[in-house]
N, C-alpha and C. Protein backbone atom coordinates (compact mmCIF):
# COMPACT_ATOMS: atom_id res chain seq x y z
N GLU A 1 0.19 -0.94 0.22
CA GLU A 1 -0.02 0.41 -0.30
C GLU A 1 0.96 1.05 -0.21
N TRP A 2 1.83 1.11 0.71
CA TRP A 2 2.60 2.17 0.97
C TRP A 2 3.14 2.48 -0.49
N GLN A 3 4.07 1.93 -1.48
CA GLN A 3 4.42 1.93 -2.58
C GLN A 3 3.43 2.41 -3.32
N ILE A 4 2.59 2.29 -3.26
CA ILE A 4 1.23 2.28 -4.38
C ILE A 4 1.09 4.34 -4.04
N MET A 5 1.23 4.60 -2.92
CA MET A 5 0.84 5.52 -2.60
C MET A 5 2.20 6.21 -2.80
N GLU A 6 3.37 6.10 -2.64
CA GLU A 6 4.53 6.63 -3.61
C GLU A 6 4.24 6.72 -4.62
N VAL A 7 3.56 5.94 -5.42
CA VAL A 7 3.52 6.29 -6.88
C VAL A 7 2.74 7.29 -7.43
N LEU A 8 1.35 7.05 -6.67
CA LEU A 8 1.04 8.48 -6.83
C LEU A 8 1.01 9.65 -6.30
N TRP A 9 1.82 9.79 -5.17
CA TRP A 9 2.28 11.32 -4.79
C TRP A 9 3.84 11.73 -6.02
N ALA A 10 3.91 10.74 -7.01
CA ALA A 10 5.26 11.17 -7.38
C ALA A 10 4.65 11.47 -8.64
N CYS A 11 4.18 10.84 -9.45
CA CYS A 11 3.23 11.03 -10.31
C CYS A 11 2.43 12.70 -10.48
N GLY A 12 2.29 12.93 -9.43
CA GLY A 12 1.49 14.25 -9.15
C GLY A 12 0.04 14.09 -9.82
N GLU A 13 -0.35 13.51 -10.56
CA GLU A 13 -1.49 13.23 -11.54
C GLU A 13 -2.46 11.90 -11.35
N PRO A 14 -3.99 11.99 -11.73
CA PRO A 14 -4.98 11.04 -11.92
C PRO A 14 -3.97 9.77 -12.26
N LEU A 15 -4.07 8.17 -11.82
CA LEU A 15 -3.82 7.21 -12.33
C LEU A 15 -4.61 6.10 -12.55
N THR A 16 -4.68 5.12 -13.42
CA THR A 16 -5.40 4.18 -13.61
C THR A 16 -4.90 3.49 -12.71
N SER A 17 -5.21 2.41 -12.64
CA SER A 17 -4.91 0.85 -11.35
C SER A 17 -4.21 0.50 -12.19
N SER A 18 -3.75 0.34 -14.10
CA SER A 18 -3.37 -0.26 -14.83
C SER A 18 -2.18 0.73 -14.59
N GLU A 19 -1.98 2.03 -14.83
CA GLU A 19 -0.66 2.84 -14.36
C GLU A 19 0.06 2.70 -13.40
N VAL A 20 -0.53 2.70 -12.31
CA VAL A 20 -0.31 2.06 -10.94
C VAL A 20 0.58 0.66 -10.89
N TYR A 21 -0.10 -0.38 -10.94
CA TYR A 21 0.36 -1.44 -11.59
C TYR A 21 1.89 -1.42 -11.87
N LYS A 22 1.95 -0.82 -13.42
CA LYS A 22 2.95 -0.73 -14.22
C LYS A 22 3.98 -0.11 -13.48
N GLU A 23 3.59 1.00 -13.08
CA GLU A 23 5.26 1.77 -12.16
C GLU A 23 5.65 0.98 -11.06
N CYS A 24 4.37 -0.15 -10.42
CA CYS A 24 5.41 -0.37 -9.12
C CYS A 24 5.62 -1.48 -9.65
N VAL A 25 5.30 -2.15 -10.45
CA VAL A 25 6.62 -3.11 -11.35
C VAL A 25 8.07 -2.35 -11.83
N LYS A 26 7.78 -1.31 -12.43
CA LYS A 26 9.14 -1.08 -12.56
C LYS A 26 10.11 -0.49 -11.38
N GLU A 27 9.45 -0.13 -10.63
CA GLU A 27 10.05 0.31 -9.13
C GLU A 27 10.70 -0.77 -8.34
N LYS A 28 10.01 -1.90 -8.62
CA LYS A 28 10.64 -3.13 -7.68
C LYS A 28 11.59 -3.91 -8.71
N SER A 29 11.70 -3.87 -10.31
CA SER A 29 12.64 -4.40 -10.79
C SER A 29 14.05 -3.63 -10.37
N ARG A 30 13.37 -1.99 -10.57
CA ARG A 30 15.18 -0.81 -10.27
C ARG A 30 15.37 -1.69 -9.33
N LYS A 31 14.71 -2.10 -8.14
CA LYS A 31 15.23 -2.30 -6.48
C LYS A 31 16.06 -3.29 -6.71
N PHE A 32 15.45 -4.44 -7.85
CA PHE A 32 16.51 -6.05 -7.90
C PHE A 32 17.63 -6.10 -8.21
N VAL A 33 17.54 -4.92 -9.69
CA VAL A 33 18.48 -4.48 -10.31
C VAL A 33 19.87 -4.25 -9.27
N ASP A 34 19.35 -2.89 -8.49
CA ASP A 34 19.97 -2.24 -7.56
C ASP A 34 20.69 -2.98 -6.25
N SER A 35 19.75 -4.40 -6.26
CA SER A 35 20.08 -5.07 -5.12
C SER A 35 21.37 -6.75 -5.26
N TYR A 36 21.25 -6.80 -6.36
CA TYR A 36 21.46 -7.80 -7.16
C TYR A 36 22.40 -7.87 -7.86
N PHE A 37 22.15 -6.86 -8.45
CA PHE A 37 23.56 -6.32 -9.84
C PHE A 37 23.83 -5.20 -9.25
N SER A 38 24.37 -4.46 -8.58
CA SER A 38 24.66 -3.54 -8.04
C SER A 38 24.16 -2.42 -9.38
N GLY A 39 23.05 -2.64 -9.60
CA GLY A 39 22.64 -1.35 -10.49
C GLY A 39 22.84 -1.56 -11.96
N ASN A 40 23.44 -2.32 -12.16
CA ASN A 40 23.47 -2.78 -13.77
C ASN A 40 22.82 -3.94 -14.53
N GLY A 41 22.19 -3.25 -15.24
CA GLY A 41 20.77 -3.38 -15.89
C GLY A 41 21.17 -4.60 -17.11
N THR A 42 22.56 -4.33 -17.88
CA THR A 42 23.01 -4.97 -18.55
C THR A 42 23.14 -6.71 -17.94
N ASN A 43 23.82 -6.39 -17.17
CA ASN A 43 24.38 -7.61 -16.09
C ASN A 43 23.17 -8.74 -15.63
N ALA A 44 21.70 -8.16 -15.15
CA ALA A 44 21.03 -8.64 -14.74
C ALA A 44 20.15 -9.53 -15.56
N MET A 45 19.61 -8.51 -17.21
CA MET A 45 19.03 -8.99 -18.31
C MET A 45 19.88 -10.30 -18.49
N ALA A 46 21.00 -10.18 -18.88
CA ALA A 46 22.24 -11.56 -19.19
C ALA A 46 21.77 -12.73 -18.37
N ALA A 47 21.63 -12.64 -17.04
CA ALA A 47 22.06 -13.71 -16.12
C ALA A 47 20.16 -14.20 -16.57
N LEU A 48 19.02 -12.97 -16.62
CA LEU A 48 18.05 -13.71 -16.56
C LEU A 48 18.04 -14.11 -18.08
N LEU A 49 18.36 -14.09 -19.27
CA LEU A 49 18.03 -14.28 -20.45
C LEU A 49 18.72 -15.91 -20.60
N GLN A 50 19.67 -15.85 -19.97
CA GLN A 50 20.54 -17.08 -19.98
C GLN A 50 20.20 -18.46 -19.23
N SER A 51 18.96 -17.91 -18.11
CA SER A 51 18.11 -18.89 -17.01
C SER A 51 17.73 -19.72 -17.53
N PHE A 52 16.88 -19.19 -19.30
CA PHE A 52 16.41 -20.20 -19.73
C PHE A 52 15.63 -19.98 -21.57
N SER A 53 15.02 -21.07 -21.57
CA SER A 53 15.27 -20.72 -23.83
C SER A 53 13.60 -19.74 -23.87
N LEU A 54 14.43 -19.35 -24.81
CA LEU A 54 13.14 -18.63 -24.96
C LEU A 54 12.86 -18.72 -26.94
N THR A 55 11.17 -18.34 -26.81
CA THR A 55 10.66 -18.80 -28.39
C THR A 55 11.02 -17.41 -29.36
N GLU A 56 11.03 -17.58 -30.18
CA GLU A 56 11.14 -17.02 -31.45
C GLU A 56 10.03 -15.55 -31.04
N GLU A 57 9.18 -15.90 -30.80
CA GLU A 57 7.80 -14.98 -30.38
C GLU A 57 8.60 -13.69 -29.12
N GLN A 58 8.93 -14.66 -28.28
CA GLN A 58 9.44 -14.05 -27.05
C GLN A 58 10.78 -13.72 -27.66
N ILE A 59 11.33 -13.93 -28.18
CA ILE A 59 13.20 -12.91 -29.09
C ILE A 59 12.05 -11.75 -29.82
N GLN A 60 10.92 -11.71 -30.58
CA GLN A 60 10.59 -10.79 -31.33
C GLN A 60 10.78 -9.42 -30.26
N GLU A 61 9.48 -10.10 -29.23
CA GLU A 61 8.88 -8.73 -28.40
C GLU A 61 10.09 -8.02 -27.70
N LEU A 62 11.14 -8.90 -27.09
CA LEU A 62 12.21 -8.56 -26.63
C LEU A 62 12.83 -7.50 -27.24
N GLU A 63 13.02 -7.74 -28.58
CA GLU A 63 13.86 -6.86 -29.95
C GLU A 63 12.57 -5.43 -30.01
N GLU A 64 11.45 -5.73 -29.90
CA GLU A 64 10.67 -4.76 -29.80
C GLU A 64 11.06 -3.76 -28.79
N ILE A 65 11.02 -3.69 -27.41
CA ILE A 65 11.39 -3.68 -26.17
C ILE A 65 12.55 -2.72 -26.88
N LEU A 66 13.66 -3.39 -27.00
CA LEU A 66 14.59 -2.72 -27.58
C LEU A 66 15.08 -1.65 -28.08
N LYS A 67 13.95 -1.85 -29.31
CA LYS A 67 14.11 -0.50 -30.13
C LYS A 67 13.11 0.37 -29.40
N LYS A 68 12.39 0.16 -28.69
CA LYS A 68 11.84 1.20 -28.15
C LYS A 68 12.89 2.56 -26.93
N SER A 69 13.38 1.23 -26.46
CA SER A 69 14.16 1.78 -25.49
C SER A 69 15.39 2.25 -25.95
N ARG A 70 15.97 2.02 -27.25
CA ARG A 70 16.52 2.92 -28.05
C ARG A 70 16.14 4.21 -28.24
N GLY A 71 14.95 4.28 -28.53
CA GLY A 71 14.14 5.28 -28.99
C GLY A 71 14.31 6.50 -27.64
N GLN A 72 14.15 6.08 -26.00
CA GLN A 72 14.29 6.48 -25.54
C GLN A 72 15.02 7.19 -25.19
N GLY A 73 16.13 7.29 -26.03
CA GLY A 73 18.07 7.39 -24.87
C GLY A 73 18.24 6.74 -23.82
N GLY A 74 17.81 5.99 -23.84
CA GLY A 74 17.76 4.97 -22.49
C GLY A 74 16.84 5.77 -21.02
N LYS A 75 15.99 6.63 -21.13
CA LYS A 75 15.01 7.30 -20.25
C LYS A 75 13.99 6.17 -20.08
N SER A 76 13.59 6.28 -18.76
CA SER A 76 12.46 5.20 -18.72
C SER A 76 11.61 6.49 -17.74
N PRO A 77 10.35 6.26 -18.81
CA PRO A 77 9.47 7.28 -18.63
C PRO A 77 8.52 7.25 -17.46
N ASP A 78 7.84 8.13 -16.18
CA ASP A 78 7.12 7.39 -15.10
C ASP A 78 5.82 6.84 -15.95
N LYS A 79 5.24 7.30 -17.15
CA LYS A 79 3.82 6.99 -16.83
C LYS A 79 3.70 6.33 -18.87
N GLU A 80 3.35 5.33 -18.92
CA GLU A 80 3.61 4.97 -20.09
C GLU A 80 2.04 5.03 -21.01
N GLY A 81 1.98 5.25 -22.55
CA GLY A 81 0.85 6.28 -22.47
C GLY A 81 0.07 4.80 -23.61
């Protein structure tokens, strides 16, 4: 509950429950990477990707995510549209 309130306060505008959920997941992921990989997202992604096999569809989905990330200049928006 506290994390949800922090997300709402930080955004400064009304959010849907789906938006709150996405921002909470992002924050939890960030904390995981900080805790276990010293903030190195590349190492975290590599470790996770090497842990299991991916289907061609999953690989394509990851490629799309990387393309979008390049377009953002590495920035993570607080709110997705």
